[in-house]
All heavy atoms as atom14 arrays in JSON, in Angstrom:
{
  "sequence": "HLVLAFFTCAAIWMLLEAEFLAITLVLVYVGAVMVLFLFVVMMLDINL",
  "atom14_mask": [
    [1, 1, 1, 1, 1, 1, 1, 1, 1, 1, 0, 0, 0, 0],
    [1, 1, 1, 1, 1, 1, 1, 1, 0, 0, 0, 0, 0, 0],
    [1, 1, 1, 1, 1, 1, 1, 0, 0, 0, 0, 0, 0, 0],
    [1, 1, 1, 1, 1, 1, 1, 1, 0, 0, 0, 0, 0, 0],
    [1, 1, 1, 1, 1, 0, 0, 0, 0, 0, 0, 0, 0, 0],
    [1, 1, 1, 1, 1, 1, 1, 1, 1, 1, 1, 0, 0, 0],
    [1, 1, 1, 1, 1, 1, 1, 1, 1, 1, 1, 0, 0, 0],
    [1, 1, 1, 1, 1, 1, 1, 0, 0, 0, 0, 0, 0, 0],
    [1, 1, 1, 1, 1, 1, 0, 0, 0, 0, 0, 0, 0, 0],
    [1, 1, 1, 1, 1, 0, 0, 0, 0, 0, 0, 0, 0, 0],
    [1, 1, 1, 1, 1, 0, 0, 0, 0, 0, 0, 0, 0, 0],
    [1, 1, 1, 1, 1, 1, 1, 1, 0, 0, 0, 0, 0, 0],
    [1, 1, 1, 1, 1, 1, 1, 1, 1, 1, 1, 1, 1, 1],
    [1, 1, 1, 1, 1, 1, 1, 1, 0, 0, 0, 0, 0, 0],
    [1, 1, 1, 1, 1, 1, 1, 1, 0, 0, 0, 0, 0, 0],
    [1, 1, 1, 1, 1, 1, 1, 1, 0, 0, 0, 0, 0, 0],
    [1, 1, 1, 1, 1, 1, 1, 1, 1, 0, 0, 0, 0, 0],
    [1, 1, 1, 1, 1, 0, 0, 0, 0, 0, 0, 0, 0, 0],
    [1, 1, 1, 1, 1, 1, 1, 1, 1, 0, 0, 0, 0, 0],
    [1, 1, 1, 1, 1, 1, 1, 1, 1, 1, 1, 0, 0, 0],
    [1, 1, 1, 1, 1, 1, 1, 1, 0, 0, 0, 0, 0, 0],
    [1, 1, 1, 1, 1, 0, 0, 0, 0, 0, 0, 0, 0, 0],
    [1, 1, 1, 1, 1, 1, 1, 1, 0, 0, 0, 0, 0, 0],
    [1, 1, 1, 1, 1, 1, 1, 0, 0, 0, 0, 0, 0, 0],
    [1, 1, 1, 1, 1, 1, 1, 1, 0, 0, 0, 0, 0, 0],
    [1, 1, 1, 1, 1, 1, 1, 0, 0, 0, 0, 0, 0, 0],
    [1, 1, 1, 1, 1, 1, 1, 1, 0, 0, 0, 0, 0, 0],
    [1, 1, 1, 1, 1, 1, 1, 0, 0, 0, 0, 0, 0, 0],
    [1, 1, 1, 1, 1, 1, 1, 1, 1, 1, 1, 1, 0, 0],
    [1, 1, 1, 1, 1, 1, 1, 0, 0, 0, 0, 0, 0, 0],
    [1, 1, 1, 1, 0, 0, 0, 0, 0, 0, 0, 0, 0, 0],
    [1, 1, 1, 1, 1, 0, 0, 0, 0, 0, 0, 0, 0, 0],
    [1, 1, 1, 1, 1, 1, 1, 0, 0, 0, 0, 0, 0, 0],
    [1, 1, 1, 1, 1, 1, 1, 1, 0, 0, 0, 0, 0, 0],
    [1, 1, 1, 1, 1, 1, 1, 0, 0, 0, 0, 0, 0, 0],
    [1, 1, 1, 1, 1, 1, 1, 1, 0, 0, 0, 0, 0, 0],
    [1, 1, 1, 1, 1, 1, 1, 1, 1, 1, 1, 0, 0, 0],
    [1, 1, 1, 1, 1, 1, 1, 1, 0, 0, 0, 0, 0, 0],
    [1, 1, 1, 1, 1, 1, 1, 1, 1, 1, 1, 0, 0, 0],
    [1, 1, 1, 1, 1, 1, 1, 0, 0, 0, 0, 0, 0, 0],
    [1, 1, 1, 1, 1, 1, 1, 0, 0, 0, 0, 0, 0, 0],
    [1, 1, 1, 1, 1, 1, 1, 1, 0, 0, 0, 0, 0, 0],
    [1, 1, 1, 1, 1, 1, 1, 1, 0, 0, 0, 0, 0, 0],
    [1, 1, 1, 1, 1, 1, 1, 1, 0, 0, 0, 0, 0, 0],
    [1, 1, 1, 1, 1, 1, 1, 1, 0, 0, 0, 0, 0, 0],
    [1, 1, 1, 1, 1, 1, 1, 1, 0, 0, 0, 0, 0, 0],
    [1, 1, 1, 1, 1, 1, 1, 1, 0, 0, 0, 0, 0, 0],
    [1, 1, 1, 1, 1, 1, 1, 1, 0, 0, 0, 0, 0, 0]
  ],
  "atom14_positions": [
    [[0.81, -1.17, -0.01], [-0.05, 0.0, 0.02], [0.85, 1.22, -0.03], [0.45, 2.29, -0.55], [-0.93, -0.05, 1.22], [-2.15, -0.88, 1.04], [-2.27, -2.17, 1.52], [-3.29, -0.61, 0.35], [-3.42, -2.64, 1.25], [-4.09, -1.75, 0.56], [0.0, 0.0, 0.0], [0.0, 0.0, 0.0], [0.0, 0.0, 0.0], [0.0, 0.0, 0.0]],
    [[1.95, 1.26, 0.64], [2.93, 2.33, 0.6], [3.45, 2.58, -0.86], [3.74, 3.67, -1.25], [4.06, 2.15, 1.58], [5.05, 3.36, 1.89], [4.23, 4.53, 2.26], [6.09, 2.99, 2.83], [0.0, 0.0, 0.0], [0.0, 0.0, 0.0], [0.0, 0.0, 0.0], [0.0, 0.0, 0.0], [0.0, 0.0, 0.0], [0.0, 0.0, 0.0]],
    [[3.7, 1.52, -1.51], [4.1, 1.6, -2.97], [3.02, 2.23, -3.7], [3.28, 3.15, -4.58], [4.46, 0.23, -3.51], [4.69, 0.24, -5.02], [5.71, -0.33, -2.88], [0.0, 0.0, 0.0], [0.0, 0.0, 0.0], [0.0, 0.0, 0.0], [0.0, 0.0, 0.0], [0.0, 0.0, 0.0], [0.0, 0.0, 0.0], [0.0, 0.0, 0.0]],
    [[1.72, 1.93, -3.52], [0.66, 2.5, -4.16], [0.56, 3.96, -3.83], [0.37, 4.82, -4.76], [-0.63, 1.83, -3.81], [-1.93, 2.41, -4.41], [-1.93, 2.34, -5.93], [-3.15, 1.57, -3.79], [0.0, 0.0, 0.0], [0.0, 0.0, 0.0], [0.0, 0.0, 0.0], [0.0, 0.0, 0.0], [0.0, 0.0, 0.0], [0.0, 0.0, 0.0]],
    [[0.75, 4.33, -2.6], [0.83, 5.75, -2.26], [1.92, 6.51, -2.93], [1.73, 7.65, -3.41], [0.97, 5.84, -0.66], [0.0, 0.0, 0.0], [0.0, 0.0, 0.0], [0.0, 0.0, 0.0], [0.0, 0.0, 0.0], [0.0, 0.0, 0.0], [0.0, 0.0, 0.0], [0.0, 0.0, 0.0], [0.0, 0.0, 0.0], [0.0, 0.0, 0.0]],
    [[3.0, 5.93, -3.12], [4.16, 6.65, -3.8], [3.77, 6.78, -5.3], [4.09, 7.96, -5.76], [5.47, 5.77, -3.61], [6.15, 5.93, -2.27], [6.92, 4.92, -1.91], [5.91, 7.02, -1.51], [7.52, 4.95, -0.67], [6.54, 7.1, -0.28], [7.39, 6.08, 0.16], [0.0, 0.0, 0.0], [0.0, 0.0, 0.0], [0.0, 0.0, 0.0]],
    [[3.2, 5.86, -5.91], [2.78, 6.07, -7.29], [1.83, 7.01, -7.53], [1.94, 7.93, -8.4], [2.34, 4.67, -7.76], [3.41, 3.81, -8.45], [3.79, 2.62, -7.81], [4.08, 4.16, -9.53], [4.77, 1.78, -8.36], [5.05, 3.39, -10.14], [5.46, 2.22, -9.42], [0.0, 0.0, 0.0], [0.0, 0.0, 0.0], [0.0, 0.0, 0.0]],
    [[0.78, 7.09, -6.64], [-0.21, 8.17, -6.74], [0.29, 9.52, -6.46], [-0.14, 10.53, -7.14], [-1.38, 7.77, -5.88], [-0.98, 7.57, -4.55], [-2.23, 6.52, -6.35], [0.0, 0.0, 0.0], [0.0, 0.0, 0.0], [0.0, 0.0, 0.0], [0.0, 0.0, 0.0], [0.0, 0.0, 0.0], [0.0, 0.0, 0.0], [0.0, 0.0, 0.0]],
    [[1.19, 9.6, -5.5], [1.87, 10.86, -5.26], [2.62, 11.35, -6.45], [2.72, 12.57, -6.7], [2.62, 10.77, -3.96], [3.4, 12.28, -3.33], [0.0, 0.0, 0.0], [0.0, 0.0, 0.0], [0.0, 0.0, 0.0], [0.0, 0.0, 0.0], [0.0, 0.0, 0.0], [0.0, 0.0, 0.0], [0.0, 0.0, 0.0], [0.0, 0.0, 0.0]],
    [[3.31, 10.47, -7.08], [4.06, 10.74, -8.24], [3.21, 11.26, -9.41], [3.55, 12.13, -10.09], [4.93, 9.59, -8.8], [0.0, 0.0, 0.0], [0.0, 0.0, 0.0], [0.0, 0.0, 0.0], [0.0, 0.0, 0.0], [0.0, 0.0, 0.0], [0.0, 0.0, 0.0], [0.0, 0.0, 0.0], [0.0, 0.0, 0.0], [0.0, 0.0, 0.0]],
    [[1.99, 10.73, -9.45], [1.03, 11.1, -10.56], [0.54, 12.5, -10.24], [0.41, 13.38, -11.1], [-0.11, 10.13, -10.55], [0.0, 0.0, 0.0], [0.0, 0.0, 0.0], [0.0, 0.0, 0.0], [0.0, 0.0, 0.0], [0.0, 0.0, 0.0], [0.0, 0.0, 0.0], [0.0, 0.0, 0.0], [0.0, 0.0, 0.0], [0.0, 0.0, 0.0]],
    [[0.29, 12.87, -8.96], [-0.08, 14.19, -8.53], [0.97, 15.14, -8.9], [0.82, 16.33, -9.33], [-0.52, 14.2, -7.11], [-1.76, 13.42, -6.84], [-0.72, 15.63, -6.58], [-2.26, 13.35, -5.5], [0.0, 0.0, 0.0], [0.0, 0.0, 0.0], [0.0, 0.0, 0.0], [0.0, 0.0, 0.0], [0.0, 0.0, 0.0], [0.0, 0.0, 0.0]],
    [[2.27, 14.78, -8.67], [3.37, 15.75, -9.01], [3.51, 15.89, -10.56], [3.83, 16.98, -10.99], [4.64, 15.09, -8.37], [4.82, 15.46, -6.93], [4.12, 16.4, -6.22], [5.79, 14.97, -6.02], [4.52, 16.34, -4.94], [5.56, 15.5, -4.85], [6.82, 13.91, -6.19], [6.34, 15.19, -3.75], [7.61, 13.63, -5.1], [7.36, 14.28, -3.8]],
    [[3.1, 14.87, -11.33], [3.14, 15.02, -12.74], [2.08, 16.07, -13.12], [2.26, 16.86, -14.09], [2.82, 13.77, -13.37], [3.99, 12.72, -13.33], [5.36, 13.11, -14.33], [4.85, 12.81, -15.85], [0.0, 0.0, 0.0], [0.0, 0.0, 0.0], [0.0, 0.0, 0.0], [0.0, 0.0, 0.0], [0.0, 0.0, 0.0], [0.0, 0.0, 0.0]],
    [[0.93, 16.07, -12.43], [-0.08, 17.04, -12.74], [0.43, 18.47, -12.32], [-0.01, 19.5, -13.07], [-1.34, 16.8, -11.93], [-2.12, 15.57, -12.34], [-3.3, 15.37, -11.36], [-2.69, 15.78, -13.75], [0.0, 0.0, 0.0], [0.0, 0.0, 0.0], [0.0, 0.0, 0.0], [0.0, 0.0, 0.0], [0.0, 0.0, 0.0], [0.0, 0.0, 0.0]],
    [[1.32, 18.62, -11.33], [1.84, 19.99, -11.01], [3.1, 20.33, -11.85], [3.8, 21.25, -11.48], [2.29, 19.88, -9.46], [0.97, 19.75, -8.53], [1.55, 19.66, -7.13], [0.11, 20.92, -8.63], [0.0, 0.0, 0.0], [0.0, 0.0, 0.0], [0.0, 0.0, 0.0], [0.0, 0.0, 0.0], [0.0, 0.0, 0.0], [0.0, 0.0, 0.0]],
    [[3.36, 19.43, -12.94], [4.55, 19.73, -13.71], [5.83, 19.65, -13.08], [6.78, 20.29, -13.36], [4.42, 21.11, -14.5], [3.17, 21.25, -15.37], [3.15, 22.56, -16.08], [4.05, 23.46, -15.78], [2.22, 22.82, -16.93], [0.0, 0.0, 0.0], [0.0, 0.0, 0.0], [0.0, 0.0, 0.0], [0.0, 0.0, 0.0], [0.0, 0.0, 0.0]],
    [[5.9, 18.73, -12.07], [7.1, 18.38, -11.36], [7.59, 17.04, -11.74], [7.53, 16.07, -10.91], [6.95, 18.53, -9.83], [0.0, 0.0, 0.0], [0.0, 0.0, 0.0], [0.0, 0.0, 0.0], [0.0, 0.0, 0.0], [0.0, 0.0, 0.0], [0.0, 0.0, 0.0], [0.0, 0.0, 0.0], [0.0, 0.0, 0.0], [0.0, 0.0, 0.0]],
    [[8.02, 16.92, -12.96], [8.33, 15.6, -13.51], [9.58, 15.01, -12.79], [9.68, 13.79, -12.61], [8.61, 15.63, -15.03], [7.4, 16.09, -15.85], [7.44, 17.64, -16.08], [8.43, 18.26, -15.64], [6.49, 18.17, -16.68], [0.0, 0.0, 0.0], [0.0, 0.0, 0.0], [0.0, 0.0, 0.0], [0.0, 0.0, 0.0], [0.0, 0.0, 0.0]],
    [[10.54, 15.84, -12.48], [11.72, 15.38, -11.93], [11.44, 14.73, -10.5], [11.97, 13.55, -10.17], [12.81, 16.48, -11.75], [14.11, 16.09, -11.12], [14.95, 15.33, -11.87], [14.38, 16.4, -9.74], [16.32, 14.94, -11.28], [15.47, 16.01, -9.19], [16.48, 15.2, -9.97], [0.0, 0.0, 0.0], [0.0, 0.0, 0.0], [0.0, 0.0, 0.0]],
    [[10.71, 15.35, -9.71], [10.3, 14.84, -8.4], [9.47, 13.57, -8.55], [9.72, 12.59, -7.69], [9.55, 15.8, -7.59], [10.21, 17.14, -7.16], [9.33, 18.04, -6.46], [11.46, 16.8, -6.29], [0.0, 0.0, 0.0], [0.0, 0.0, 0.0], [0.0, 0.0, 0.0], [0.0, 0.0, 0.0], [0.0, 0.0, 0.0], [0.0, 0.0, 0.0]],
    [[8.61, 13.43, -9.5], [7.81, 12.22, -9.75], [8.69, 11.05, -10.1], [8.61, 10.0, -9.57], [6.74, 12.48, -10.8], [0.0, 0.0, 0.0], [0.0, 0.0, 0.0], [0.0, 0.0, 0.0], [0.0, 0.0, 0.0], [0.0, 0.0, 0.0], [0.0, 0.0, 0.0], [0.0, 0.0, 0.0], [0.0, 0.0, 0.0], [0.0, 0.0, 0.0]],
    [[9.63, 11.27, -11.05], [10.49, 10.19, -11.52], [11.49, 9.8, -10.32], [11.78, 8.62, -10.22], [11.25, 10.61, -12.77], [10.29, 10.84, -13.93], [12.25, 9.66, -13.19], [9.46, 9.73, -14.28], [0.0, 0.0, 0.0], [0.0, 0.0, 0.0], [0.0, 0.0, 0.0], [0.0, 0.0, 0.0], [0.0, 0.0, 0.0], [0.0, 0.0, 0.0]],
    [[11.97, 10.78, -9.58], [12.8, 10.46, -8.56], [12.14, 9.7, -7.47], [12.59, 8.78, -6.92], [13.38, 11.75, -7.93], [13.97, 12.5, -8.91], [14.3, 11.54, -6.8], [0.0, 0.0, 0.0], [0.0, 0.0, 0.0], [0.0, 0.0, 0.0], [0.0, 0.0, 0.0], [0.0, 0.0, 0.0], [0.0, 0.0, 0.0], [0.0, 0.0, 0.0]],
    [[10.92, 10.02, -7.2], [10.07, 9.24, -6.12], [9.9, 7.79, -6.58], [10.08, 6.91, -5.78], [8.73, 9.97, -5.99], [7.79, 9.29, -4.91], [8.42, 9.35, -3.54], [6.47, 9.96, -5.01], [0.0, 0.0, 0.0], [0.0, 0.0, 0.0], [0.0, 0.0, 0.0], [0.0, 0.0, 0.0], [0.0, 0.0, 0.0], [0.0, 0.0, 0.0]],
    [[9.56, 7.55, -7.92], [9.38, 6.24, -8.38], [10.64, 5.47, -8.37], [10.71, 4.28, -7.89], [8.72, 6.27, -9.73], [8.62, 4.8, -10.37], [7.39, 6.9, -9.71], [0.0, 0.0, 0.0], [0.0, 0.0, 0.0], [0.0, 0.0, 0.0], [0.0, 0.0, 0.0], [0.0, 0.0, 0.0], [0.0, 0.0, 0.0], [0.0, 0.0, 0.0]],
    [[11.76, 6.05, -8.95], [13.03, 5.32, -9.1], [13.74, 5.07, -7.7], [14.2, 4.0, -7.43], [13.94, 6.07, -9.91], [13.59, 6.24, -11.38], [14.59, 6.97, -12.17], [13.38, 4.87, -12.01], [0.0, 0.0, 0.0], [0.0, 0.0, 0.0], [0.0, 0.0, 0.0], [0.0, 0.0, 0.0], [0.0, 0.0, 0.0], [0.0, 0.0, 0.0]],
    [[13.79, 6.09, -6.81], [14.44, 5.98, -5.55], [13.66, 5.12, -4.57], [14.09, 4.13, -4.0], [14.91, 7.32, -5.04], [15.59, 7.15, -3.67], [15.83, 7.96, -6.01], [0.0, 0.0, 0.0], [0.0, 0.0, 0.0], [0.0, 0.0, 0.0], [0.0, 0.0, 0.0], [0.0, 0.0, 0.0], [0.0, 0.0, 0.0], [0.0, 0.0, 0.0]],
    [[12.47, 5.62, -4.2], [11.62, 5.08, -3.11], [11.0, 3.73, -3.56], [11.08, 2.83, -2.88], [10.68, 6.06, -2.7], [11.15, 7.15, -1.84], [11.61, 8.38, -2.31], [11.4, 7.01, -0.45], [12.15, 9.32, -1.64], [11.93, 7.97, 0.36], [12.35, 9.17, -0.22], [12.87, 10.14, 0.43], [0.0, 0.0, 0.0], [0.0, 0.0, 0.0]],
    [[10.36, 3.76, -4.7], [9.68, 2.51, -5.18], [10.68, 1.49, -5.65], [10.67, 0.38, -5.31], [8.57, 2.78, -6.18], [7.95, 1.58, -6.66], [7.51, 3.7, -5.61], [0.0, 0.0, 0.0], [0.0, 0.0, 0.0], [0.0, 0.0, 0.0], [0.0, 0.0, 0.0], [0.0, 0.0, 0.0], [0.0, 0.0, 0.0], [0.0, 0.0, 0.0]],
    [[11.67, 1.99, -6.48], [12.61, 1.13, -6.97], [13.64, 0.52, -6.2], [14.19, -0.52, -6.36], [0.0, 0.0, 0.0], [0.0, 0.0, 0.0], [0.0, 0.0, 0.0], [0.0, 0.0, 0.0], [0.0, 0.0, 0.0], [0.0, 0.0, 0.0], [0.0, 0.0, 0.0], [0.0, 0.0, 0.0], [0.0, 0.0, 0.0], [0.0, 0.0, 0.0]],
    [[13.97, 1.24, -5.16], [15.13, 0.88, -4.27], [14.73, 0.65, -2.85], [14.87, -0.42, -2.24], [16.31, 1.91, -4.34], [0.0, 0.0, 0.0], [0.0, 0.0, 0.0], [0.0, 0.0, 0.0], [0.0, 0.0, 0.0], [0.0, 0.0, 0.0], [0.0, 0.0, 0.0], [0.0, 0.0, 0.0], [0.0, 0.0, 0.0], [0.0, 0.0, 0.0]],
    [[14.12, 1.73, -2.26], [13.91, 1.67, -0.73], [12.75, 0.58, -0.53], [12.89, -0.24, 0.44], [13.5, 3.04, -0.21], [13.14, 3.0, 1.26], [14.67, 4.03, -0.47], [0.0, 0.0, 0.0], [0.0, 0.0, 0.0], [0.0, 0.0, 0.0], [0.0, 0.0, 0.0], [0.0, 0.0, 0.0], [0.0, 0.0, 0.0], [0.0, 0.0, 0.0]],
    [[11.73, 0.66, -1.29], [10.53, -0.26, -0.94], [10.93, -1.67, -1.4], [10.43, -2.6, -0.71], [9.29, 0.24, -1.74], [8.69, 1.53, -1.18], [8.49, 1.43, 0.61], [7.5, -0.06, 0.85], [0.0, 0.0, 0.0], [0.0, 0.0, 0.0], [0.0, 0.0, 0.0], [0.0, 0.0, 0.0], [0.0, 0.0, 0.0], [0.0, 0.0, 0.0]],
    [[11.82, -1.91, -2.36], [12.2, -3.28, -2.55], [13.02, -3.85, -1.38], [12.84, -4.99, -1.04], [13.0, -3.32, -3.87], [13.7, -4.67, -4.12], [12.18, -2.96, -5.1], [0.0, 0.0, 0.0], [0.0, 0.0, 0.0], [0.0, 0.0, 0.0], [0.0, 0.0, 0.0], [0.0, 0.0, 0.0], [0.0, 0.0, 0.0], [0.0, 0.0, 0.0]],
    [[13.89, -2.97, -0.87], [14.64, -3.38, 0.34], [13.67, -3.64, 1.5], [13.87, -4.64, 2.26], [15.66, -2.24, 0.71], [16.46, -2.48, 1.93], [17.41, -3.75, 1.84], [17.33, -1.34, 2.36], [0.0, 0.0, 0.0], [0.0, 0.0, 0.0], [0.0, 0.0, 0.0], [0.0, 0.0, 0.0], [0.0, 0.0, 0.0], [0.0, 0.0, 0.0]],
    [[12.66, -2.8, 1.69], [11.72, -2.96, 2.82], [11.02, -4.29, 2.56], [10.79, -5.15, 3.54], [10.71, -1.92, 2.85], [11.17, -0.59, 3.44], [10.42, 0.53, 3.64], [12.43, -0.53, 4.06], [10.9, 1.66, 4.21], [12.98, 0.53, 4.63], [12.19, 1.71, 4.64], [0.0, 0.0, 0.0], [0.0, 0.0, 0.0], [0.0, 0.0, 0.0]],
    [[10.51, -4.61, 1.43], [9.75, -5.81, 1.14], [10.7, -7.14, 1.38], [10.32, -8.03, 1.83], [9.25, -5.82, -0.36], [7.97, -5.0, -0.5], [7.6, -4.98, -2.0], [6.79, -5.54, 0.26], [0.0, 0.0, 0.0], [0.0, 0.0, 0.0], [0.0, 0.0, 0.0], [0.0, 0.0, 0.0], [0.0, 0.0, 0.0], [0.0, 0.0, 0.0]],
    [[11.95, -6.94, 0.92], [12.91, -8.01, 1.1], [13.1, -8.27, 2.55], [13.14, -9.5, 3.04], [14.25, -7.66, 0.4], [15.27, -8.8, 0.53], [15.23, -9.87, -0.25], [16.29, -8.56, 1.45], [16.16, -10.9, -0.18], [17.31, -9.55, 1.59], [17.23, -10.7, 0.75], [0.0, 0.0, 0.0], [0.0, 0.0, 0.0], [0.0, 0.0, 0.0]],
    [[13.31, -7.27, 3.4], [13.52, -7.5, 4.83], [12.3, -8.03, 5.54], [12.4, -8.9, 6.34], [13.99, -6.09, 5.47], [13.98, -6.2, 6.97], [15.36, -5.76, 4.9], [0.0, 0.0, 0.0], [0.0, 0.0, 0.0], [0.0, 0.0, 0.0], [0.0, 0.0, 0.0], [0.0, 0.0, 0.0], [0.0, 0.0, 0.0], [0.0, 0.0, 0.0]],
    [[11.09, -7.38, 5.12], [9.82, -7.85, 5.81], [9.56, -9.34, 5.47], [9.21, -10.18, 6.36], [8.76, -7.0, 5.38], [7.39, -7.56, 5.72], [8.8, -5.6, 6.07], [0.0, 0.0, 0.0], [0.0, 0.0, 0.0], [0.0, 0.0, 0.0], [0.0, 0.0, 0.0], [0.0, 0.0, 0.0], [0.0, 0.0, 0.0], [0.0, 0.0, 0.0]],
    [[9.73, -9.7, 4.23], [9.51, -11.12, 3.88], [10.55, -12.16, 4.31], [10.27, -13.29, 4.48], [9.38, -11.23, 2.4], [8.0, -10.58, 1.84], [7.59, -10.96, 0.16], [8.89, -10.05, -0.72], [0.0, 0.0, 0.0], [0.0, 0.0, 0.0], [0.0, 0.0, 0.0], [0.0, 0.0, 0.0], [0.0, 0.0, 0.0], [0.0, 0.0, 0.0]],
    [[11.82, -11.69, 4.58], [12.8, -12.54, 5.01], [12.74, -12.75, 6.55], [13.1, -13.78, 7.03], [14.23, -12.05, 4.63], [14.52, -12.17, 3.15], [14.5, -13.79, 2.5], [15.94, -14.44, 3.27], [0.0, 0.0, 0.0], [0.0, 0.0, 0.0], [0.0, 0.0, 0.0], [0.0, 0.0, 0.0], [0.0, 0.0, 0.0], [0.0, 0.0, 0.0]],
    [[12.29, -11.7, 7.2], [12.25, -11.84, 8.68], [10.99, -12.48, 9.12], [9.93, -12.25, 8.59], [12.41, -10.48, 9.3], [13.78, -9.69, 9.11], [13.72, -8.32, 9.74], [14.95, -10.49, 9.71], [0.0, 0.0, 0.0], [0.0, 0.0, 0.0], [0.0, 0.0, 0.0], [0.0, 0.0, 0.0], [0.0, 0.0, 0.0], [0.0, 0.0, 0.0]],
    [[11.03, -13.24, 10.25], [9.81, -13.83, 10.75], [9.28, -12.87, 11.88], [9.77, -12.88, 12.98], [10.18, -15.16, 11.34], [8.88, -15.93, 11.85], [7.77, -15.48, 11.44], [8.93, -16.85, 12.52], [0.0, 0.0, 0.0], [0.0, 0.0, 0.0], [0.0, 0.0, 0.0], [0.0, 0.0, 0.0], [0.0, 0.0, 0.0], [0.0, 0.0, 0.0]],
    [[8.4, -11.99, 11.44], [7.93, -10.95, 12.32], [6.72, -11.49, 13.17], [5.7, -12.02, 12.62], [7.47, -9.68, 11.6], [8.64, -9.14, 10.79], [6.93, -8.64, 12.46], [8.26, -7.94, 9.86], [0.0, 0.0, 0.0], [0.0, 0.0, 0.0], [0.0, 0.0, 0.0], [0.0, 0.0, 0.0], [0.0, 0.0, 0.0], [0.0, 0.0, 0.0]],
    [[6.92, -11.4, 14.48], [5.72, -11.71, 15.32], [4.79, -10.57, 15.52], [5.12, -9.56, 16.04], [6.25, -12.19, 16.66], [5.25, -12.84, 17.57], [4.16, -13.11, 17.15], [5.62, -13.05, 18.85], [0.0, 0.0, 0.0], [0.0, 0.0, 0.0], [0.0, 0.0, 0.0], [0.0, 0.0, 0.0], [0.0, 0.0, 0.0], [0.0, 0.0, 0.0]],
    [[3.57, -10.8, 15.04], [2.63, -9.72, 15.02], [1.9, -9.39, 16.37], [1.32, -8.43, 16.58], [1.53, -9.86, 13.96], [2.05, -9.99, 12.53], [0.91, -10.37, 11.69], [2.73, -8.7, 12.16], [0.0, 0.0, 0.0], [0.0, 0.0, 0.0], [0.0, 0.0, 0.0], [0.0, 0.0, 0.0], [0.0, 0.0, 0.0], [0.0, 0.0, 0.0]]
  ]
}
């Protein structure tokens, strides 16, 4: 859901003609940070 929030926020930035911020958000946060988060969350046995 955080990945979905990043994508929709990037779409709103595209509407504001801030293409650089939108592409940076997708590439850095979705492409790198969130992949790392998902990898750590799925590899660890988290007790809820």
